[in-house]
Amino acid sequence: ELEKRQLKVAAAPSAAQDLVVLQFALLLEQLESTFYQQGLTKFGADAFTAAGIPVAVRNQFQVILLDELTHVSFLQQVITKAGAVPNLPCTFNFAAALATVQSFVTFAAILERTGVQAYDGAIHLVTPNTGTAGAAIATVEGRHSSFLNLLTLGNAAPGPFDTPLGIRPIVSIAAPLITTCPAG
């Protein structure tokens, strides 16, 4: 089913292509929100403290989760407003990423950096209105990434530019985490 969800891009942006990109963005936001829900369910404040990570960091993860849930809802609304049915969420496997609090934090940094790169890589594929909506999400993903970079790399902004990633690299990152996807 994942193969059906991969982007087939045209030479120039169009309303139809916008829907394909929006559905793909929805998949990535569903992946992120599910990851944070599972991680925060598994690791309470005591687990963060035992790992030497302040509870304030866990509290920020709760804010990030709420942002991701808002992104899912927003994309569903945009897709519906465009006359399409939003894809249902896939089932994800985060077993390795949720092995420890530290692996949760480290993987969150990878997810958020990848999210920024995905939005950056998709901007040229969509019409201006959709690009503006995507940019509004991408900047928030960038703030999440900065916070997590600071935790994992010790540097909030490790470079002057982000590297946009195309569809294939994003799919190669996400595919191993996807167990199943409903038809759609």
C-alpha atoms as a PDB file:
ATOM      1  CA  GLU A   1       0.000   0.000   0.000  1.00  0.00           C
ATOM      2  CA  LEU A   2       2.904   2.390   0.676  1.00  0.00           C
ATOM      3  CA  GLU A   3       3.902   2.230  -2.975  1.00  0.00           C
ATOM      4  CA  LYS A   4       0.493   3.663  -3.903  1.00  0.00           C
ATOM      5  CA  ARG A   5       1.079   6.585  -1.581  1.00  0.00           C
ATOM      6  CA  GLN A   6       4.426   7.551  -3.061  1.00  0.00           C
ATOM      7  CA  LEU A   7       4.370  10.780  -4.977  1.00  0.00           C
ATOM      8  CA  LYS A   8       4.109  10.766  -8.715  1.00  0.00           C
ATOM      9  CA  VAL A   9       5.050  14.334  -9.523  1.00  0.00           C
ATOM     10  CA  ALA A  10       4.326  16.301 -12.642  1.00  0.00           C
ATOM     11  CA  ALA A  11       6.580  18.858 -14.245  1.00  0.00           C
ATOM     12  CA  ALA A  12       4.561  21.817 -12.955  1.00  0.00           C
ATOM     13  CA  PRO A  13       2.500  22.354  -9.805  1.00  0.00           C
ATOM     14  CA  SER A  14      -1.243  21.749 -10.097  1.00  0.00           C
ATOM     15  CA  ALA A  15      -4.246  21.344  -7.822  1.00  0.00           C
ATOM     16  CA  ALA A  16      -4.156  17.579  -8.392  1.00  0.00           C
ATOM     17  CA  GLN A  17      -0.478  17.429  -7.489  1.00  0.00           C
ATOM     18  CA  ASP A  18      -1.153  19.560  -4.414  1.00  0.00           C
ATOM     19  CA  LEU A  19      -3.475  16.827  -3.158  1.00  0.00           C
ATOM     20  CA  VAL A  20      -0.839  14.156  -3.647  1.00  0.00           C
ATOM     21  CA  VAL A  21       1.732  16.236  -1.738  1.00  0.00           C
ATOM     22  CA  LEU A  22      -0.793  17.064   0.991  1.00  0.00           C
ATOM     23  CA  GLN A  23      -1.673  13.384   1.443  1.00  0.00           C
ATOM     24  CA  PHE A  24       2.033  12.562   1.717  1.00  0.00           C
ATOM     25  CA  ALA A  25       2.532  15.371   4.267  1.00  0.00           C
ATOM     26  CA  LEU A  26      -0.438  13.988   6.196  1.00  0.00           C
ATOM     27  CA  LEU A  27       1.210  10.567   6.315  1.00  0.00           C
ATOM     28  CA  LEU A  28       4.406  12.091   7.722  1.00  0.00           C
ATOM     29  CA  GLU A  29       2.506  14.144  10.304  1.00  0.00           C
ATOM     30  CA  GLN A  30       0.535  11.049  11.334  1.00  0.00           C
ATOM     31  CA  LEU A  31       3.831   9.209  11.724  1.00  0.00           C
ATOM     32  CA  GLU A  32       5.231  11.962  13.937  1.00  0.00           C
ATOM     33  CA  SER A  33       2.119  12.323  16.088  1.00  0.00           C
ATOM     34  CA  THR A  34       1.865   8.556  16.596  1.00  0.00           C
ATOM     35  CA  PHE A  35       5.537   8.412  17.583  1.00  0.00           C
ATOM     36  CA  TYR A  36       5.090  11.132  20.211  1.00  0.00           C
ATOM     37  CA  GLN A  37       1.864   9.608  21.533  1.00  0.00           C
ATOM     38  CA  GLN A  38       3.495   6.211  21.966  1.00  0.00           C
ATOM     39  CA  GLY A  39       6.684   7.652  23.440  1.00  0.00           C
ATOM     40  CA  LEU A  40       4.948   9.872  25.959  1.00  0.00           C
ATOM     41  CA  THR A  41       2.645   7.020  26.943  1.00  0.00           C
ATOM     42  CA  LYS A  42       5.625   4.736  27.513  1.00  0.00           C
ATOM     43  CA  PHE A  43       7.930   7.245  29.211  1.00  0.00           C
ATOM     44  CA  GLY A  44       6.460   9.254  32.062  1.00  0.00           C
ATOM     45  CA  ALA A  45       8.164  11.986  34.051  1.00  0.00           C
ATOM     46  CA  ASP A  46       9.913   9.393  36.260  1.00  0.00           C
ATOM     47  CA  ALA A  47      11.504   7.726  33.219  1.00  0.00           C
ATOM     48  CA  PHE A  48      12.869  11.059  31.990  1.00  0.00           C
ATOM     49  CA  THR A  49      14.241  11.864  35.453  1.00  0.00           C
ATOM     50  CA  ALA A  50      15.839   8.412  35.737  1.00  0.00           C
ATOM     51  CA  ALA A  51      17.503   8.996  32.354  1.00  0.00           C
ATOM     52  CA  GLY A  52      18.942  12.278  33.609  1.00  0.00           C
ATOM     53  CA  ILE A  53      16.660  14.365  31.409  1.00  0.00           C
ATOM     54  CA  PRO A  54      14.705  17.182  33.085  1.00  0.00           C
ATOM     55  CA  VAL A  55      10.928  16.836  33.280  1.00  0.00           C
ATOM     56  CA  ALA A  56      10.749  20.204  31.481  1.00  0.00           C
ATOM     57  CA  VAL A  57      12.055  18.404  28.375  1.00  0.00           C
ATOM     58  CA  ARG A  58       9.201  15.888  28.599  1.00  0.00           C
ATOM     59  CA  ASN A  59       6.788  18.795  28.959  1.00  0.00           C
ATOM     60  CA  GLN A  60       8.158  20.251  25.720  1.00  0.00           C
ATOM     61  CA  PHE A  61       7.563  16.887  24.037  1.00  0.00           C
ATOM     62  CA  GLN A  62       3.915  17.222  25.060  1.00  0.00           C
ATOM     63  CA  VAL A  63       3.805  20.611  23.318  1.00  0.00           C
ATOM     64  CA  ILE A  64       5.400  19.063  20.226  1.00  0.00           C
ATOM     65  CA  LEU A  65       2.778  16.296  20.269  1.00  0.00           C
ATOM     66  CA  LEU A  66      -0.022  18.868  20.366  1.00  0.00           C
ATOM     67  CA  ASP A  67       1.582  20.711  17.443  1.00  0.00           C
ATOM     68  CA  GLU A  68       1.793  17.476  15.425  1.00  0.00           C
ATOM     69  CA  LEU A  69      -1.834  16.621  16.171  1.00  0.00           C
ATOM     70  CA  THR A  70      -2.779  20.127  15.033  1.00  0.00           C
ATOM     71  CA  HIS A  71      -0.802  19.622  11.810  1.00  0.00           C
ATOM     72  CA  VAL A  72      -2.701  16.363  11.176  1.00  0.00           C
ATOM     73  CA  SER A  73      -6.045  18.082  11.732  1.00  0.00           C
ATOM     74  CA  PHE A  74      -5.066  21.062   9.565  1.00  0.00           C
ATOM     75  CA  LEU A  75      -3.934  18.867   6.665  1.00  0.00           C
ATOM     76  CA  GLN A  76      -7.107  16.785   6.915  1.00  0.00           C
ATOM     77  CA  GLN A  77      -9.159  19.985   6.692  1.00  0.00           C
ATOM     78  CA  VAL A  78      -7.192  21.301   3.707  1.00  0.00           C
ATOM     79  CA  ILE A  79      -7.534  17.975   1.875  1.00  0.00           C
ATOM     80  CA  THR A  80     -11.261  17.818   2.619  1.00  0.00           C
ATOM     81  CA  LYS A  81     -11.752  21.440   1.528  1.00  0.00           C
ATOM     82  CA  ALA A  82     -10.047  20.540  -1.758  1.00  0.00           C
ATOM     83  CA  GLY A  83     -12.710  17.881  -2.319  1.00  0.00           C
ATOM     84  CA  ALA A  84     -10.710  14.769  -1.419  1.00  0.00           C
ATOM     85  CA  VAL A  85     -10.827  12.285   1.424  1.00  0.00           C
ATOM     86  CA  PRO A  86      -7.791  12.353   3.727  1.00  0.00           C
ATOM     87  CA  ASN A  87      -5.881   9.078   3.892  1.00  0.00           C
ATOM     88  CA  LEU A  88      -6.443   7.063   7.047  1.00  0.00           C
ATOM     89  CA  PRO A  89      -3.344   6.642   9.225  1.00  0.00           C
ATOM     90  CA  CYS A  90      -0.988   3.737   8.742  1.00  0.00           C
ATOM     91  CA  THR A  91       0.198   1.453  11.515  1.00  0.00           C
ATOM     92  CA  PHE A  92       3.758   2.204  12.572  1.00  0.00           C
ATOM     93  CA  ASN A  93       6.459   0.246  14.385  1.00  0.00           C
ATOM     94  CA  PHE A  94       8.677   2.337  16.629  1.00  0.00           C
ATOM     95  CA  ALA A  95      10.016  -0.533  18.770  1.00  0.00           C
ATOM     96  CA  ALA A  96      13.703   0.335  18.366  1.00  0.00           C
ATOM     97  CA  ALA A  97      13.116   4.077  18.669  1.00  0.00           C
ATOM     98  CA  LEU A  98      11.171   3.568  21.893  1.00  0.00           C
ATOM     99  CA  ALA A  99      13.646   1.223  23.574  1.00  0.00           C
ATOM    100  CA  THR A 100      14.846   3.907  26.013  1.00  0.00           C
ATOM    101  CA  VAL A 101      14.142   7.529  26.818  1.00  0.00           C
ATOM    102  CA  GLN A 102      17.433   8.462  25.124  1.00  0.00           C
ATOM    103  CA  SER A 103      16.520   6.565  21.936  1.00  0.00           C
ATOM    104  CA  PHE A 104      13.147   8.361  21.978  1.00  0.00           C
ATOM    105  CA  VAL A 105      14.874  11.753  22.186  1.00  0.00           C
ATOM    106  CA  THR A 106      17.450  10.848  19.538  1.00  0.00           C
ATOM    107  CA  PHE A 107      14.865   9.485  17.127  1.00  0.00           C
ATOM    108  CA  ALA A 108      12.619  12.513  17.689  1.00  0.00           C
ATOM    109  CA  ALA A 109      15.513  14.703  16.518  1.00  0.00           C
ATOM    110  CA  ILE A 110      15.855  12.590  13.367  1.00  0.00           C
ATOM    111  CA  LEU A 111      12.107  12.738  12.691  1.00  0.00           C
ATOM    112  CA  GLU A 112      11.889  16.500  13.082  1.00  0.00           C
ATOM    113  CA  ARG A 113      14.963  17.155  10.939  1.00  0.00           C
ATOM    114  CA  THR A 114      13.497  14.863   8.286  1.00  0.00           C
ATOM    115  CA  GLY A 115      10.172  16.706   8.512  1.00  0.00           C
ATOM    116  CA  VAL A 116      11.861  20.024   7.812  1.00  0.00           C
ATOM    117  CA  GLN A 117      13.758  18.509   4.894  1.00  0.00           C
ATOM    118  CA  ALA A 118      10.557  16.974   3.484  1.00  0.00           C
ATOM    119  CA  TYR A 119       8.671  20.282   3.543  1.00  0.00           C
ATOM    120  CA  ASP A 120      11.679  22.065   2.034  1.00  0.00           C
ATOM    121  CA  GLY A 121      11.914  19.428  -0.692  1.00  0.00           C
ATOM    122  CA  ALA A 122       8.217  19.620  -1.565  1.00  0.00           C
ATOM    123  CA  ILE A 123       7.822  23.389  -1.837  1.00  0.00           C
ATOM    124  CA  HIS A 124       8.600  23.488  -5.564  1.00  0.00           C
ATOM    125  CA  LEU A 125       6.029  20.759  -6.268  1.00  0.00           C
ATOM    126  CA  VAL A 126       2.967  22.699  -5.127  1.00  0.00           C
ATOM    127  CA  THR A 127       0.983  25.782  -6.043  1.00  0.00           C
ATOM    128  CA  PRO A 128       1.660  28.988  -4.060  1.00  0.00           C
ATOM    129  CA  ASN A 129      -1.334  28.654  -1.703  1.00  0.00           C
ATOM    130  CA  THR A 130      -0.394  25.119  -0.748  1.00  0.00           C
ATOM    131  CA  GLY A 131       3.241  26.175  -0.450  1.00  0.00           C
ATOM    132  CA  THR A 132       2.255  28.888   2.025  1.00  0.00           C
ATOM    133  CA  ALA A 133       0.311  26.365   4.119  1.00  0.00           C
ATOM    134  CA  GLY A 134       3.281  23.993   4.032  1.00  0.00           C
ATOM    135  CA  ALA A 135       5.683  26.765   4.979  1.00  0.00           C
ATOM    136  CA  ALA A 136       3.546  27.579   8.036  1.00  0.00           C
ATOM    137  CA  ILE A 137       4.003  23.979   9.206  1.00  0.00           C
ATOM    138  CA  ALA A 138       7.669  23.786   8.167  1.00  0.00           C
ATOM    139  CA  THR A 139       8.671  26.700  10.385  1.00  0.00           C
ATOM    140  CA  VAL A 140       7.143  24.982  13.419  1.00  0.00           C
ATOM    141  CA  GLU A 141       8.894  21.735  12.458  1.00  0.00           C
ATOM    142  CA  GLY A 142      12.090  23.800  12.299  1.00  0.00           C
ATOM    143  CA  ARG A 143      11.592  25.022  15.868  1.00  0.00           C
ATOM    144  CA  HIS A 144      10.979  21.450  17.026  1.00  0.00           C
ATOM    145  CA  SER A 145      14.131  20.397  15.198  1.00  0.00           C
ATOM    146  CA  SER A 146      16.166  23.195  16.800  1.00  0.00           C
ATOM    147  CA  PHE A 147      15.040  22.185  20.281  1.00  0.00           C
ATOM    148  CA  LEU A 148      15.899  18.546  19.620  1.00  0.00           C
ATOM    149  CA  ASN A 149      19.194  19.425  17.933  1.00  0.00           C
ATOM    150  CA  LEU A 150      20.154  21.318  21.074  1.00  0.00           C
ATOM    151  CA  LEU A 151      19.392  18.227  23.173  1.00  0.00           C
ATOM    152  CA  THR A 152      21.164  15.727  20.930  1.00  0.00           C
ATOM    153  CA  LEU A 153      23.870  17.690  19.124  1.00  0.00           C
ATOM    154  CA  GLY A 154      24.452  20.559  21.532  1.00  0.00           C
ATOM    155  CA  ASN A 155      23.786  23.026  18.714  1.00  0.00           C
ATOM    156  CA  ALA A 156      20.305  24.313  17.873  1.00  0.00           C
ATOM    157  CA  ALA A 157      21.183  25.241  14.305  1.00  0.00           C
ATOM    158  CA  PRO A 158      24.053  23.070  13.069  1.00  0.00           C
ATOM    159  CA  GLY A 159      24.273  24.851   9.725  1.00  0.00           C
ATOM    160  CA  PRO A 160      23.173  27.965   7.837  1.00  0.00           C
ATOM    161  CA  PHE A 161      20.920  25.965   5.489  1.00  0.00           C
ATOM    162  CA  ASP A 162      18.671  22.923   5.679  1.00  0.00           C
ATOM    163  CA  THR A 163      19.061  20.279   3.016  1.00  0.00           C
ATOM    164  CA  PRO A 164      15.811  19.704   1.121  1.00  0.00           C
ATOM    165  CA  LEU A 165      15.082  16.040   0.556  1.00  0.00           C
ATOM    166  CA  GLY A 166      13.134  14.673  -2.370  1.00  0.00           C
ATOM    167  CA  ILE A 167      10.450  12.052  -2.244  1.00  0.00           C
ATOM    168  CA  ARG A 168      12.642   8.965  -2.532  1.00  0.00           C
ATOM    169  CA  PRO A 169      14.905   9.771   0.440  1.00  0.00           C
ATOM    170  CA  ILE A 170      11.879  10.608   2.602  1.00  0.00           C
ATOM    171  CA  VAL A 171      10.169   7.361   1.622  1.00  0.00           C
ATOM    172  CA  SER A 172      13.360   5.415   2.370  1.00  0.00           C
ATOM    173  CA  ILE A 173      13.418   6.932   5.869  1.00  0.00           C
ATOM    174  CA  ALA A 174       9.689   6.424   6.577  1.00  0.00           C
ATOM    175  CA  ALA A 175       9.089   3.034   4.922  1.00  0.00           C
ATOM    176  CA  PRO A 176      10.854   0.876   7.554  1.00  0.00           C
ATOM    177  CA  LEU A 177       8.591   2.394  10.229  1.00  0.00           C
ATOM    178  CA  ILE A 178       5.354   1.578   8.401  1.00  0.00           C
ATOM    179  CA  THR A 179       3.799  -1.772   9.217  1.00  0.00           C
ATOM    180  CA  THR A 180       0.579  -1.453   7.204  1.00  0.00           C
ATOM    181  CA  CYS A 181      -1.520   1.238   5.552  1.00  0.00           C
ATOM    182  CA  PRO A 182      -5.236   1.093   4.871  1.00  0.00           C
ATOM    183  CA  ALA A 183      -6.287   1.293   1.227  1.00  0.00           C
ATOM    184  CA  GLY A 184      -6.543   4.838   0.024  1.00  0.00           C
END
